[in-house]
């Protein structure tokens, strides 16, 4: 899951990285639902919780990165989850 907002360049980069990693792992994020994007601006509680701190990348219940995520970070986190 990636907490994001419209117009956020770092969010776009994180989403792109996540889609690339999922594709290389043989996952189509649209089919299996593994990549969830959550707009923090759509929910006052999320906006309060995250403020300007986006993107925030979660794997399961664990926060693995904020602002920037590398493909390696994401691979390792997803590998531990299997």
N, C-alpha and C. Protein backbone atom coordinates (compact mmCIF):
# COMPACT_ATOMS: atom_id res chain seq x y z
N UNK A 1 0.85 -1.16 0.00
CA UNK A 1 0.00 0.00 0.00
C UNK A 1 0.90 1.23 0.00
N UNK A 2 0.47 2.21 -0.77
CA UNK A 2 1.20 3.47 -0.79
C UNK A 2 0.22 4.60 -0.45
N UNK A 3 0.53 5.32 0.63
CA UNK A 3 -0.24 6.52 0.96
C UNK A 3 0.34 7.63 0.10
N UNK A 4 -0.52 8.31 -0.62
CA UNK A 4 -0.10 9.23 -1.66
C UNK A 4 -1.02 10.45 -1.72
N UNK A 5 -0.73 11.34 -2.64
CA UNK A 5 -1.65 12.45 -2.93
C UNK A 5 -1.41 12.90 -4.38
N UNK A 6 -2.42 13.51 -4.95
CA UNK A 6 -2.34 14.01 -6.31
C UNK A 6 -1.28 15.10 -6.40
N UNK A 7 -0.55 15.12 -7.50
CA UNK A 7 0.44 16.16 -7.74
C UNK A 7 1.75 15.97 -7.01
N UNK A 8 1.95 14.82 -6.40
CA UNK A 8 3.17 14.55 -5.63
C UNK A 8 4.15 13.77 -6.50
N UNK A 9 5.24 14.42 -6.89
CA UNK A 9 6.24 13.79 -7.75
C UNK A 9 6.87 12.57 -7.08
N UNK A 10 7.22 12.68 -5.81
CA UNK A 10 7.81 11.53 -5.12
C UNK A 10 6.83 10.36 -5.05
N UNK A 11 5.54 10.66 -4.95
CA UNK A 11 4.53 9.60 -4.97
C UNK A 11 4.53 8.88 -6.31
N UNK A 12 4.61 9.64 -7.38
CA UNK A 12 4.64 9.05 -8.72
C UNK A 12 5.85 8.13 -8.88
N UNK A 13 7.00 8.55 -8.36
CA UNK A 13 8.21 7.73 -8.45
C UNK A 13 8.04 6.45 -7.63
N UNK A 14 7.48 6.56 -6.43
CA UNK A 14 7.27 5.38 -5.58
C UNK A 14 6.31 4.40 -6.23
N UNK A 15 5.25 4.89 -6.83
CA UNK A 15 4.28 4.03 -7.52
C UNK A 15 4.94 3.33 -8.69
N UNK A 16 5.71 4.07 -9.47
CA UNK A 16 6.42 3.48 -10.60
C UNK A 16 7.37 2.37 -10.13
N UNK A 17 8.13 2.64 -9.08
CA UNK A 17 9.06 1.64 -8.53
C UNK A 17 8.30 0.41 -8.06
N UNK A 18 7.20 0.60 -7.36
CA UNK A 18 6.41 -0.53 -6.86
C UNK A 18 5.86 -1.36 -8.01
N UNK A 19 5.36 -0.72 -9.05
CA UNK A 19 4.82 -1.47 -10.19
C UNK A 19 5.93 -2.25 -10.91
N UNK A 20 7.11 -1.66 -11.03
CA UNK A 20 8.22 -2.37 -11.66
C UNK A 20 8.62 -3.60 -10.85
N UNK A 21 8.74 -3.44 -9.55
CA UNK A 21 9.13 -4.57 -8.69
C UNK A 21 8.07 -5.66 -8.72
N UNK A 22 6.81 -5.30 -8.64
CA UNK A 22 5.74 -6.29 -8.70
C UNK A 22 5.75 -7.02 -10.04
N UNK A 23 5.99 -6.30 -11.12
CA UNK A 23 6.03 -6.93 -12.44
C UNK A 23 7.20 -7.91 -12.54
N UNK A 24 8.35 -7.53 -12.02
CA UNK A 24 9.51 -8.42 -12.11
C UNK A 24 9.33 -9.65 -11.22
N UNK A 25 8.49 -9.52 -10.18
CA UNK A 25 8.20 -10.65 -9.31
C UNK A 25 7.05 -11.50 -9.86
N UNK A 26 6.57 -11.13 -11.05
CA UNK A 26 5.51 -11.91 -11.68
C UNK A 26 4.12 -11.57 -11.18
N UNK A 27 3.95 -10.39 -10.64
CA UNK A 27 2.66 -9.98 -10.12
C UNK A 27 2.08 -8.88 -10.98
N UNK A 28 0.84 -9.01 -11.32
CA UNK A 28 0.12 -7.92 -11.99
C UNK A 28 -0.70 -7.23 -10.92
N UNK A 29 -0.27 -6.05 -10.48
CA UNK A 29 -0.92 -5.41 -9.35
C UNK A 29 -2.40 -5.13 -9.58
N UNK A 30 -2.83 -5.06 -10.83
CA UNK A 30 -4.25 -4.81 -11.08
C UNK A 30 -5.06 -6.08 -10.87
N UNK A 31 -4.47 -7.24 -11.13
CA UNK A 31 -5.20 -8.50 -11.00
C UNK A 31 -5.24 -9.02 -9.58
N UNK A 32 -4.12 -8.96 -8.87
CA UNK A 32 -4.10 -9.58 -7.55
C UNK A 32 -4.33 -8.59 -6.42
N UNK A 33 -4.42 -7.31 -6.73
CA UNK A 33 -4.74 -6.31 -5.72
C UNK A 33 -3.63 -6.03 -4.73
N UNK A 34 -2.41 -6.39 -5.02
CA UNK A 34 -1.33 -6.19 -4.06
C UNK A 34 -0.91 -4.74 -3.91
N UNK A 35 -1.09 -3.95 -4.94
CA UNK A 35 -0.71 -2.54 -4.84
C UNK A 35 -1.98 -1.72 -4.62
N UNK A 36 -2.07 -1.14 -3.43
CA UNK A 36 -3.21 -0.30 -3.10
C UNK A 36 -2.70 1.13 -2.93
N UNK A 37 -3.36 2.05 -3.59
CA UNK A 37 -3.02 3.46 -3.47
C UNK A 37 -4.09 4.14 -2.65
N UNK A 38 -3.66 4.88 -1.63
CA UNK A 38 -4.60 5.56 -0.75
C UNK A 38 -4.29 7.05 -0.77
N UNK A 39 -5.27 7.85 -1.16
CA UNK A 39 -5.12 9.31 -1.22
C UNK A 39 -5.34 9.88 0.17
N UNK A 40 -4.29 10.38 0.79
CA UNK A 40 -4.41 10.91 2.16
C UNK A 40 -5.31 12.14 2.23
N UNK A 41 -5.44 12.86 1.13
CA UNK A 41 -6.27 14.06 1.13
C UNK A 41 -7.76 13.74 1.10
N UNK A 42 -8.12 12.49 0.84
CA UNK A 42 -9.52 12.11 0.76
C UNK A 42 -10.12 11.77 2.13
N UNK A 43 -9.28 11.71 3.15
CA UNK A 43 -9.73 11.30 4.48
C UNK A 43 -9.09 12.22 5.53
N UNK A 44 -9.89 12.99 6.26
CA UNK A 44 -9.33 13.93 7.24
C UNK A 44 -8.41 13.25 8.27
N UNK A 45 -8.72 12.03 8.68
CA UNK A 45 -7.88 11.33 9.64
C UNK A 45 -6.52 10.99 9.04
N UNK A 46 -6.51 10.53 7.78
CA UNK A 46 -5.24 10.24 7.12
C UNK A 46 -4.45 11.52 6.88
N UNK A 47 -5.13 12.59 6.53
CA UNK A 47 -4.45 13.86 6.33
C UNK A 47 -3.79 14.33 7.63
N UNK A 48 -4.49 14.16 8.74
CA UNK A 48 -3.92 14.51 10.04
C UNK A 48 -2.73 13.60 10.37
N UNK A 49 -2.88 12.32 10.09
CA UNK A 49 -1.83 11.35 10.41
C UNK A 49 -0.57 11.56 9.59
N UNK A 50 -0.73 11.80 8.28
CA UNK A 50 0.42 11.87 7.39
C UNK A 50 0.86 13.28 7.06
N UNK A 51 -0.05 14.23 7.03
CA UNK A 51 0.31 15.61 6.69
C UNK A 51 1.07 15.66 5.37
N UNK A 52 2.26 16.21 5.40
CA UNK A 52 3.09 16.31 4.21
C UNK A 52 3.96 15.08 4.00
N UNK A 53 3.89 14.12 4.90
CA UNK A 53 4.77 12.94 4.88
C UNK A 53 4.23 11.89 3.91
N UNK A 54 4.36 12.14 2.62
CA UNK A 54 3.99 11.18 1.58
C UNK A 54 5.06 11.18 0.51
N UNK A 55 5.23 10.12 -0.19
CA UNK A 55 4.53 8.86 -0.02
C UNK A 55 5.04 8.09 1.20
N UNK A 56 4.16 7.26 1.72
CA UNK A 56 4.53 6.30 2.75
C UNK A 56 4.20 4.93 2.17
N UNK A 57 5.20 4.06 2.15
CA UNK A 57 5.04 2.73 1.55
C UNK A 57 4.93 1.70 2.67
N UNK A 58 3.86 0.91 2.60
CA UNK A 58 3.60 -0.12 3.59
C UNK A 58 3.64 -1.49 2.91
N UNK A 59 4.14 -2.47 3.63
CA UNK A 59 4.03 -3.87 3.21
C UNK A 59 3.35 -4.56 4.38
N UNK A 60 2.12 -4.98 4.15
CA UNK A 60 1.32 -5.47 5.26
C UNK A 60 1.06 -4.32 6.21
N UNK A 61 1.32 -4.54 7.47
CA UNK A 61 1.12 -3.51 8.49
C UNK A 61 2.40 -2.73 8.78
N UNK A 62 3.48 -3.05 8.07
CA UNK A 62 4.78 -2.47 8.37
C UNK A 62 5.14 -1.36 7.38
N UNK A 63 5.51 -0.20 7.93
CA UNK A 63 5.98 0.93 7.11
C UNK A 63 7.42 0.64 6.72
N UNK A 64 7.68 0.60 5.40
CA UNK A 64 9.04 0.31 4.97
C UNK A 64 9.77 1.54 4.45
N UNK A 65 9.04 2.58 4.08
CA UNK A 65 9.71 3.77 3.55
C UNK A 65 8.77 4.96 3.57
N UNK A 66 9.38 6.12 3.63
CA UNK A 66 8.63 7.36 3.43
C UNK A 66 9.46 8.25 2.51
N UNK A 67 8.78 9.04 1.73
CA UNK A 67 9.36 9.94 0.73
C UNK A 67 10.00 9.20 -0.44
N UNK A 68 10.93 8.29 -0.18
CA UNK A 68 11.60 7.56 -1.27
C UNK A 68 11.69 6.09 -0.90
N UNK A 69 11.47 5.23 -1.90
CA UNK A 69 11.64 3.79 -1.72
C UNK A 69 12.48 3.27 -2.88
N UNK A 70 13.43 2.43 -2.56
CA UNK A 70 14.24 1.82 -3.63
C UNK A 70 13.64 0.47 -3.99
N UNK A 71 13.96 0.03 -5.20
CA UNK A 71 13.50 -1.28 -5.63
C UNK A 71 14.04 -2.36 -4.68
N UNK A 72 15.28 -2.21 -4.22
CA UNK A 72 15.86 -3.18 -3.29
C UNK A 72 15.10 -3.25 -1.97
N UNK A 73 14.75 -2.10 -1.42
CA UNK A 73 13.96 -2.07 -0.17
C UNK A 73 12.65 -2.83 -0.35
N UNK A 74 12.00 -2.55 -1.46
CA UNK A 74 10.70 -3.17 -1.71
C UNK A 74 10.84 -4.67 -1.93
N UNK A 75 11.83 -5.09 -2.71
CA UNK A 75 12.07 -6.52 -2.92
C UNK A 75 12.29 -7.25 -1.60
N UNK A 76 13.16 -6.68 -0.76
CA UNK A 76 13.45 -7.32 0.54
C UNK A 76 12.21 -7.42 1.40
N UNK A 77 11.43 -6.34 1.45
CA UNK A 77 10.21 -6.34 2.28
C UNK A 77 9.20 -7.35 1.76
N UNK A 78 9.01 -7.41 0.45
CA UNK A 78 8.07 -8.36 -0.13
C UNK A 78 8.57 -9.79 0.03
N UNK A 79 9.87 -9.99 -0.06
CA UNK A 79 10.45 -11.32 0.11
C UNK A 79 10.22 -11.86 1.50
N UNK A 80 10.30 -11.02 2.51
CA UNK A 80 10.07 -11.43 3.91
C UNK A 80 8.61 -11.76 4.14
N UNK A 81 7.73 -11.18 3.33
CA UNK A 81 6.30 -11.36 3.54
C UNK A 81 5.80 -12.68 3.00
N UNK A 82 6.53 -13.27 2.07
CA UNK A 82 6.08 -14.52 1.43
C UNK A 82 6.12 -15.68 2.36
